[in-house]
Amino acid sequence: GSDPATGTADWPCQGEVILHLPAADVAPYLRDGIVEEL
């Protein structure tokens, strides 16, 4: 659903949150997200 004219394949909506879960519990369910242990 992105605009191809931008030259990237990024999602049109990207956000950043802090989850109250260990990164190891989140990573297996991500396809193309970025998770960082805090």
All heavy atoms as atom14 arrays in JSON, in Angstrom:
{
  "sequence": "GSDPATGTADWPCQGEVILHLPAADVAPYLRDGIVEEL",
  "atom14_mask": [
    [1, 1, 1, 1, 0, 0, 0, 0, 0, 0, 0, 0, 0, 0],
    [1, 1, 1, 1, 1, 1, 0, 0, 0, 0, 0, 0, 0, 0],
    [1, 1, 1, 1, 1, 1, 1, 1, 0, 0, 0, 0, 0, 0],
    [1, 1, 1, 1, 1, 1, 1, 0, 0, 0, 0, 0, 0, 0],
    [1, 1, 1, 1, 1, 0, 0, 0, 0, 0, 0, 0, 0, 0],
    [1, 1, 1, 1, 1, 1, 1, 0, 0, 0, 0, 0, 0, 0],
    [1, 1, 1, 1, 0, 0, 0, 0, 0, 0, 0, 0, 0, 0],
    [1, 1, 1, 1, 1, 1, 1, 0, 0, 0, 0, 0, 0, 0],
    [1, 1, 1, 1, 1, 0, 0, 0, 0, 0, 0, 0, 0, 0],
    [1, 1, 1, 1, 1, 1, 1, 1, 0, 0, 0, 0, 0, 0],
    [1, 1, 1, 1, 1, 1, 1, 1, 1, 1, 1, 1, 1, 1],
    [1, 1, 1, 1, 1, 1, 1, 0, 0, 0, 0, 0, 0, 0],
    [1, 1, 1, 1, 1, 1, 0, 0, 0, 0, 0, 0, 0, 0],
    [1, 1, 1, 1, 1, 1, 1, 1, 1, 0, 0, 0, 0, 0],
    [1, 1, 1, 1, 0, 0, 0, 0, 0, 0, 0, 0, 0, 0],
    [1, 1, 1, 1, 1, 1, 1, 1, 1, 0, 0, 0, 0, 0],
    [1, 1, 1, 1, 1, 1, 1, 0, 0, 0, 0, 0, 0, 0],
    [1, 1, 1, 1, 1, 1, 1, 1, 0, 0, 0, 0, 0, 0],
    [1, 1, 1, 1, 1, 1, 1, 1, 0, 0, 0, 0, 0, 0],
    [1, 1, 1, 1, 1, 1, 1, 1, 1, 1, 0, 0, 0, 0],
    [1, 1, 1, 1, 1, 1, 1, 1, 0, 0, 0, 0, 0, 0],
    [1, 1, 1, 1, 1, 1, 1, 0, 0, 0, 0, 0, 0, 0],
    [1, 1, 1, 1, 1, 0, 0, 0, 0, 0, 0, 0, 0, 0],
    [1, 1, 1, 1, 1, 0, 0, 0, 0, 0, 0, 0, 0, 0],
    [1, 1, 1, 1, 1, 1, 1, 1, 0, 0, 0, 0, 0, 0],
    [1, 1, 1, 1, 1, 1, 1, 0, 0, 0, 0, 0, 0, 0],
    [1, 1, 1, 1, 1, 0, 0, 0, 0, 0, 0, 0, 0, 0],
    [1, 1, 1, 1, 1, 1, 1, 0, 0, 0, 0, 0, 0, 0],
    [1, 1, 1, 1, 1, 1, 1, 1, 1, 1, 1, 1, 0, 0],
    [1, 1, 1, 1, 1, 1, 1, 1, 0, 0, 0, 0, 0, 0],
    [1, 1, 1, 1, 1, 1, 1, 1, 1, 1, 1, 0, 0, 0],
    [1, 1, 1, 1, 1, 1, 1, 1, 0, 0, 0, 0, 0, 0],
    [1, 1, 1, 1, 0, 0, 0, 0, 0, 0, 0, 0, 0, 0],
    [1, 1, 1, 1, 1, 1, 1, 1, 0, 0, 0, 0, 0, 0],
    [1, 1, 1, 1, 1, 1, 1, 0, 0, 0, 0, 0, 0, 0],
    [1, 1, 1, 1, 1, 1, 1, 1, 1, 0, 0, 0, 0, 0],
    [1, 1, 1, 1, 1, 1, 1, 1, 1, 0, 0, 0, 0, 0],
    [1, 1, 1, 1, 1, 1, 1, 1, 0, 0, 0, 0, 0, 0]
  ],
  "atom14_positions": [
    [[0.79, -1.21, 0.0], [0.0, 0.0, 0.0], [0.82, 1.26, 0.0], [0.29, 2.35, 0.23], [0.0, 0.0, 0.0], [0.0, 0.0, 0.0], [0.0, 0.0, 0.0], [0.0, 0.0, 0.0], [0.0, 0.0, 0.0], [0.0, 0.0, 0.0], [0.0, 0.0, 0.0], [0.0, 0.0, 0.0], [0.0, 0.0, 0.0], [0.0, 0.0, 0.0]],
    [[2.13, 1.17, -0.26], [2.99, 2.34, -0.32], [2.95, 2.96, -1.71], [2.5, 2.34, -2.67], [4.44, 1.98, 0.04], [4.52, 1.44, 1.34], [0.0, 0.0, 0.0], [0.0, 0.0, 0.0], [0.0, 0.0, 0.0], [0.0, 0.0, 0.0], [0.0, 0.0, 0.0], [0.0, 0.0, 0.0], [0.0, 0.0, 0.0], [0.0, 0.0, 0.0]],
    [[3.46, 4.17, -1.81], [3.56, 4.84, -3.09], [4.87, 4.42, -3.74], [5.95, 4.78, -3.25], [3.52, 6.35, -2.9], [3.58, 7.1, -4.22], [3.59, 6.44, -5.28], [3.61, 8.35, -4.2], [0.0, 0.0, 0.0], [0.0, 0.0, 0.0], [0.0, 0.0, 0.0], [0.0, 0.0, 0.0], [0.0, 0.0, 0.0], [0.0, 0.0, 0.0]],
    [[4.83, 3.67, -4.85], [6.08, 3.22, -5.47], [6.97, 4.37, -5.91], [8.18, 4.2, -6.05], [5.6, 2.4, -6.68], [4.2, 1.99, -6.34], [3.64, 3.14, -5.53], [0.0, 0.0, 0.0], [0.0, 0.0, 0.0], [0.0, 0.0, 0.0], [0.0, 0.0, 0.0], [0.0, 0.0, 0.0], [0.0, 0.0, 0.0], [0.0, 0.0, 0.0]],
    [[6.38, 5.56, -6.13], [7.17, 6.69, -6.59], [8.19, 7.14, -5.56], [9.14, 7.86, -5.89], [6.26, 7.85, -6.96], [0.0, 0.0, 0.0], [0.0, 0.0, 0.0], [0.0, 0.0, 0.0], [0.0, 0.0, 0.0], [0.0, 0.0, 0.0], [0.0, 0.0, 0.0], [0.0, 0.0, 0.0], [0.0, 0.0, 0.0], [0.0, 0.0, 0.0]],
    [[8.02, 6.75, -4.29], [8.98, 7.13, -3.26], [10.3, 6.39, -3.41], [11.31, 6.79, -2.81], [8.41, 6.85, -1.87], [8.15, 5.44, -1.73], [7.11, 7.62, -1.66], [0.0, 0.0, 0.0], [0.0, 0.0, 0.0], [0.0, 0.0, 0.0], [0.0, 0.0, 0.0], [0.0, 0.0, 0.0], [0.0, 0.0, 0.0], [0.0, 0.0, 0.0]],
    [[10.29, 5.29, -4.17], [11.52, 4.55, -4.39], [11.85, 3.56, -3.31], [12.92, 2.95, -3.32], [0.0, 0.0, 0.0], [0.0, 0.0, 0.0], [0.0, 0.0, 0.0], [0.0, 0.0, 0.0], [0.0, 0.0, 0.0], [0.0, 0.0, 0.0], [0.0, 0.0, 0.0], [0.0, 0.0, 0.0], [0.0, 0.0, 0.0], [0.0, 0.0, 0.0]],
    [[10.97, 3.37, -2.33], [11.2, 2.4, -1.27], [9.99, 1.49, -1.15], [8.9, 1.8, -1.63], [11.45, 3.08, 0.08], [10.23, 3.71, 0.53], [12.55, 4.13, -0.03], [0.0, 0.0, 0.0], [0.0, 0.0, 0.0], [0.0, 0.0, 0.0], [0.0, 0.0, 0.0], [0.0, 0.0, 0.0], [0.0, 0.0, 0.0], [0.0, 0.0, 0.0]],
    [[10.19, 0.37, -0.47], [9.1, -0.58, -0.25], [8.64, -0.56, 1.2], [8.05, -1.53, 1.68], [9.55, -1.99, -0.64], [0.0, 0.0, 0.0], [0.0, 0.0, 0.0], [0.0, 0.0, 0.0], [0.0, 0.0, 0.0], [0.0, 0.0, 0.0], [0.0, 0.0, 0.0], [0.0, 0.0, 0.0], [0.0, 0.0, 0.0], [0.0, 0.0, 0.0]],
    [[8.92, 0.53, 1.92], [8.52, 0.61, 3.32], [7.0, 0.67, 3.44], [6.29, 1.12, 2.53], [9.12, 1.86, 3.97], [10.63, 1.78, 4.08], [11.15, 0.65, 4.1], [11.29, 2.84, 4.13], [0.0, 0.0, 0.0], [0.0, 0.0, 0.0], [0.0, 0.0, 0.0], [0.0, 0.0, 0.0], [0.0, 0.0, 0.0], [0.0, 0.0, 0.0]],
    [[6.51, 0.21, 4.61], [5.08, 0.34, 4.89], [4.72, 1.83, 4.95], [5.51, 2.65, 5.4], [4.75, -0.3, 6.22], [4.83, -1.8, 6.24], [5.82, -2.57, 6.75], [3.86, -2.71, 5.71], [5.55, -3.91, 6.57], [4.35, -4.03, 5.94], [2.63, -2.56, 5.07], [3.66, -5.16, 5.55], [1.93, -3.7, 4.68], [2.43, -4.98, 4.93]],
    [[3.52, 2.19, 4.5], [3.13, 3.61, 4.54], [2.98, 4.14, 5.97], [3.08, 5.33, 6.19], [1.79, 3.63, 3.79], [1.27, 2.23, 3.86], [2.48, 1.35, 3.86], [0.0, 0.0, 0.0], [0.0, 0.0, 0.0], [0.0, 0.0, 0.0], [0.0, 0.0, 0.0], [0.0, 0.0, 0.0], [0.0, 0.0, 0.0], [0.0, 0.0, 0.0]],
    [[2.74, 3.26, 6.94], [2.59, 3.68, 8.33], [3.58, 2.88, 9.19], [3.49, 1.65, 9.25], [1.15, 3.45, 8.83], [-0.11, 4.3, 7.86], [0.0, 0.0, 0.0], [0.0, 0.0, 0.0], [0.0, 0.0, 0.0], [0.0, 0.0, 0.0], [0.0, 0.0, 0.0], [0.0, 0.0, 0.0], [0.0, 0.0, 0.0], [0.0, 0.0, 0.0]],
    [[4.5, 3.56, 9.84], [5.48, 2.92, 10.71], [5.49, 3.61, 12.06], [5.51, 4.84, 12.13], [6.88, 2.96, 10.1], [7.03, 2.12, 8.85], [8.49, 1.91, 8.49], [9.29, 1.45, 9.3], [8.84, 2.25, 7.25], [0.0, 0.0, 0.0], [0.0, 0.0, 0.0], [0.0, 0.0, 0.0], [0.0, 0.0, 0.0], [0.0, 0.0, 0.0]],
    [[5.46, 2.81, 13.11], [5.44, 3.37, 14.46], [6.42, 2.67, 15.37], [6.91, 1.58, 15.06], [0.0, 0.0, 0.0], [0.0, 0.0, 0.0], [0.0, 0.0, 0.0], [0.0, 0.0, 0.0], [0.0, 0.0, 0.0], [0.0, 0.0, 0.0], [0.0, 0.0, 0.0], [0.0, 0.0, 0.0], [0.0, 0.0, 0.0], [0.0, 0.0, 0.0]],
    [[6.67, 3.31, 16.51], [7.6, 2.76, 17.49], [6.92, 2.73, 18.86], [6.29, 3.71, 19.28], [8.86, 3.63, 17.57], [9.89, 3.12, 18.56], [11.14, 3.99, 18.57], [11.35, 4.74, 17.6], [11.9, 3.92, 19.56], [0.0, 0.0, 0.0], [0.0, 0.0, 0.0], [0.0, 0.0, 0.0], [0.0, 0.0, 0.0], [0.0, 0.0, 0.0]],
    [[7.02, 1.58, 19.53], [6.4, 1.42, 20.84], [7.37, 0.68, 21.76], [8.36, 0.11, 21.3], [5.07, 0.62, 20.75], [4.07, 1.33, 19.87], [5.33, -0.8, 20.26], [0.0, 0.0, 0.0], [0.0, 0.0, 0.0], [0.0, 0.0, 0.0], [0.0, 0.0, 0.0], [0.0, 0.0, 0.0], [0.0, 0.0, 0.0], [0.0, 0.0, 0.0]],
    [[7.03, 0.71, 23.05], [7.73, -0.1, 24.04], [6.73, -1.12, 24.56], [5.65, -0.76, 25.05], [8.29, 0.75, 25.19], [9.37, 1.69, 24.65], [8.85, -0.14, 26.29], [9.91, 2.65, 25.69], [0.0, 0.0, 0.0], [0.0, 0.0, 0.0], [0.0, 0.0, 0.0], [0.0, 0.0, 0.0], [0.0, 0.0, 0.0], [0.0, 0.0, 0.0]],
    [[7.06, -2.39, 24.4], [6.21, -3.47, 24.87], [6.74, -4.0, 26.19], [7.95, -4.14, 26.37], [6.19, -4.61, 23.85], [5.38, -4.42, 22.55], [5.52, -5.65, 21.69], [3.93, -4.13, 22.84], [0.0, 0.0, 0.0], [0.0, 0.0, 0.0], [0.0, 0.0, 0.0], [0.0, 0.0, 0.0], [0.0, 0.0, 0.0], [0.0, 0.0, 0.0]],
    [[5.85, -4.3, 27.1], [6.25, -4.89, 28.38], [6.33, -6.4, 28.21], [5.58, -7.17, 28.82], [5.26, -4.48, 29.47], [5.38, -3.05, 29.85], [5.31, -2.61, 31.16], [5.6, -1.92, 29.11], [5.45, -1.3, 31.2], [5.63, -0.86, 29.96], [0.0, 0.0, 0.0], [0.0, 0.0, 0.0], [0.0, 0.0, 0.0], [0.0, 0.0, 0.0]],
    [[7.24, -6.82, 27.36], [7.51, -8.22, 27.1], [9.01, -8.36, 26.77], [9.61, -7.43, 26.22], [6.71, -8.74, 25.9], [5.23, -9.1, 26.1], [4.62, -9.48, 24.76], [5.08, -10.25, 27.09], [0.0, 0.0, 0.0], [0.0, 0.0, 0.0], [0.0, 0.0, 0.0], [0.0, 0.0, 0.0], [0.0, 0.0, 0.0], [0.0, 0.0, 0.0]],
    [[9.61, -9.49, 27.08], [10.99, -9.71, 26.65], [11.08, -9.76, 25.13], [10.15, -10.22, 24.46], [11.35, -11.07, 27.27], [10.34, -11.29, 28.35], [9.09, -10.6, 27.9], [0.0, 0.0, 0.0], [0.0, 0.0, 0.0], [0.0, 0.0, 0.0], [0.0, 0.0, 0.0], [0.0, 0.0, 0.0], [0.0, 0.0, 0.0], [0.0, 0.0, 0.0]],
    [[12.17, -9.3, 24.58], [12.35, -9.31, 23.13], [12.26, -10.72, 22.57], [11.76, -10.94, 21.46], [13.69, -8.68, 22.77], [0.0, 0.0, 0.0], [0.0, 0.0, 0.0], [0.0, 0.0, 0.0], [0.0, 0.0, 0.0], [0.0, 0.0, 0.0], [0.0, 0.0, 0.0], [0.0, 0.0, 0.0], [0.0, 0.0, 0.0], [0.0, 0.0, 0.0]],
    [[12.72, -11.71, 23.35], [12.69, -13.1, 22.88], [11.27, -13.61, 22.69], [11.04, -14.52, 21.89], [13.45, -13.99, 23.87], [0.0, 0.0, 0.0], [0.0, 0.0, 0.0], [0.0, 0.0, 0.0], [0.0, 0.0, 0.0], [0.0, 0.0, 0.0], [0.0, 0.0, 0.0], [0.0, 0.0, 0.0], [0.0, 0.0, 0.0], [0.0, 0.0, 0.0]],
    [[10.3, -13.03, 23.41], [8.9, -13.46, 23.27], [8.22, -12.77, 22.08], [7.17, -13.23, 21.62], [8.11, -13.14, 24.55], [8.57, -13.99, 25.73], [9.32, -14.96, 25.51], [8.18, -13.66, 26.87], [0.0, 0.0, 0.0], [0.0, 0.0, 0.0], [0.0, 0.0, 0.0], [0.0, 0.0, 0.0], [0.0, 0.0, 0.0], [0.0, 0.0, 0.0]],
    [[8.81, -11.68, 21.6], [8.2, -10.91, 20.52], [8.78, -11.29, 19.16], [8.06, -11.41, 18.17], [8.39, -9.4, 20.77], [7.85, -8.57, 19.6], [7.72, -8.99, 22.08], [0.0, 0.0, 0.0], [0.0, 0.0, 0.0], [0.0, 0.0, 0.0], [0.0, 0.0, 0.0], [0.0, 0.0, 0.0], [0.0, 0.0, 0.0], [0.0, 0.0, 0.0]],
    [[10.1, -11.52, 19.11], [10.8, -11.73, 17.84], [10.21, -12.84, 16.98], [10.11, -12.69, 15.76], [12.28, -11.98, 18.1], [0.0, 0.0, 0.0], [0.0, 0.0, 0.0], [0.0, 0.0, 0.0], [0.0, 0.0, 0.0], [0.0, 0.0, 0.0], [0.0, 0.0, 0.0], [0.0, 0.0, 0.0], [0.0, 0.0, 0.0], [0.0, 0.0, 0.0]],
    [[9.79, -14.0, 17.54], [9.28, -15.07, 16.67], [8.03, -14.71, 15.88], [7.71, -15.4, 14.9], [9.0, -16.22, 17.66], [9.86, -15.93, 18.84], [9.89, -14.44, 18.95], [0.0, 0.0, 0.0], [0.0, 0.0, 0.0], [0.0, 0.0, 0.0], [0.0, 0.0, 0.0], [0.0, 0.0, 0.0], [0.0, 0.0, 0.0], [0.0, 0.0, 0.0]],
    [[7.33, -13.67, 16.28], [6.07, -13.33, 15.63], [6.19, -12.13, 14.7], [5.19, -11.59, 14.24], [5.0, -13.06, 16.69], [4.82, -14.22, 17.63], [5.41, -14.23, 18.89], [4.09, -15.34, 17.25], [5.27, -15.3, 19.75], [3.95, -16.43, 18.1], [4.54, -16.4, 19.35], [4.41, -17.47, 20.19], [0.0, 0.0, 0.0], [0.0, 0.0, 0.0]],
    [[7.42, -11.69, 14.43], [7.65, -10.56, 13.54], [8.11, -11.06, 12.18], [8.91, -11.99, 12.08], [8.72, -9.63, 14.11], [8.39, -8.96, 15.44], [9.55, -8.06, 15.86], [7.11, -8.14, 15.35], [0.0, 0.0, 0.0], [0.0, 0.0, 0.0], [0.0, 0.0, 0.0], [0.0, 0.0, 0.0], [0.0, 0.0, 0.0], [0.0, 0.0, 0.0]],
    [[7.62, -10.42, 11.14], [8.07, -10.77, 9.8], [9.13, -9.79, 9.33], [10.14, -10.17, 8.76], [6.89, -10.77, 8.83], [5.8, -11.76, 9.22], [4.75, -11.88, 8.16], [5.27, -12.45, 6.93], [4.52, -12.73, 5.87], [3.23, -12.5, 5.9], [5.06, -13.25, 4.79], [0.0, 0.0, 0.0], [0.0, 0.0, 0.0], [0.0, 0.0, 0.0]],
    [[8.88, -8.49, 9.53], [9.85, -7.5, 9.06], [10.0, -6.33, 10.03], [10.44, -5.26, 9.66], [9.46, -6.97, 7.68], [8.03, -6.45, 7.64], [7.39, -6.4, 8.7], [7.55, -6.1, 6.55], [0.0, 0.0, 0.0], [0.0, 0.0, 0.0], [0.0, 0.0, 0.0], [0.0, 0.0, 0.0], [0.0, 0.0, 0.0], [0.0, 0.0, 0.0]],
    [[9.6, -6.53, 11.29], [9.78, -5.48, 12.29], [11.18, -5.55, 12.9], [11.97, -6.44, 12.64], [0.0, 0.0, 0.0], [0.0, 0.0, 0.0], [0.0, 0.0, 0.0], [0.0, 0.0, 0.0], [0.0, 0.0, 0.0], [0.0, 0.0, 0.0], [0.0, 0.0, 0.0], [0.0, 0.0, 0.0], [0.0, 0.0, 0.0], [0.0, 0.0, 0.0]],
    [[11.47, -4.56, 13.75], [12.75, -4.49, 14.45], [12.46, -4.48, 15.95], [11.69, -3.63, 16.43], [13.53, -3.22, 14.05], [13.82, -3.22, 12.54], [14.84, -3.14, 14.83], [14.46, -1.94, 12.05], [0.0, 0.0, 0.0], [0.0, 0.0, 0.0], [0.0, 0.0, 0.0], [0.0, 0.0, 0.0], [0.0, 0.0, 0.0], [0.0, 0.0, 0.0]],
    [[13.06, -5.39, 16.67], [12.85, -5.48, 18.11], [14.19, -5.35, 18.81], [15.2, -5.89, 18.36], [12.15, -6.81, 18.49], [12.98, -8.01, 18.11], [11.82, -6.83, 19.98], [0.0, 0.0, 0.0], [0.0, 0.0, 0.0], [0.0, 0.0, 0.0], [0.0, 0.0, 0.0], [0.0, 0.0, 0.0], [0.0, 0.0, 0.0], [0.0, 0.0, 0.0]],
    [[14.2, -4.6, 19.93], [15.43, -4.34, 20.68], [15.17, -4.55, 22.17], [14.2, -4.0, 22.72], [15.91, -2.9, 20.42], [17.11, -2.49, 21.25], [17.39, -1.01, 21.12], [16.66, -0.31, 20.39], [18.34, -0.54, 21.78], [0.0, 0.0, 0.0], [0.0, 0.0, 0.0], [0.0, 0.0, 0.0], [0.0, 0.0, 0.0], [0.0, 0.0, 0.0]],
    [[16.02, -5.32, 22.8], [15.88, -5.59, 24.23], [16.22, -4.32, 25.02], [17.25, -3.68, 24.8], [16.81, -6.72, 24.65], [16.63, -7.17, 26.09], [15.34, -7.96, 26.28], [15.12, -8.94, 25.56], [14.57, -7.57, 27.17], [0.0, 0.0, 0.0], [0.0, 0.0, 0.0], [0.0, 0.0, 0.0], [0.0, 0.0, 0.0], [0.0, 0.0, 0.0]],
    [[15.34, -3.93, 25.97], [15.58, -2.75, 26.81], [15.9, -3.12, 28.25], [16.41, -2.29, 28.99], [14.35, -1.82, 26.79], [14.02, -1.15, 25.46], [12.81, -0.25, 25.62], [15.21, -0.35, 24.94], [0.0, 0.0, 0.0], [0.0, 0.0, 0.0], [0.0, 0.0, 0.0], [0.0, 0.0, 0.0], [0.0, 0.0, 0.0], [0.0, 0.0, 0.0]]
  ]
}
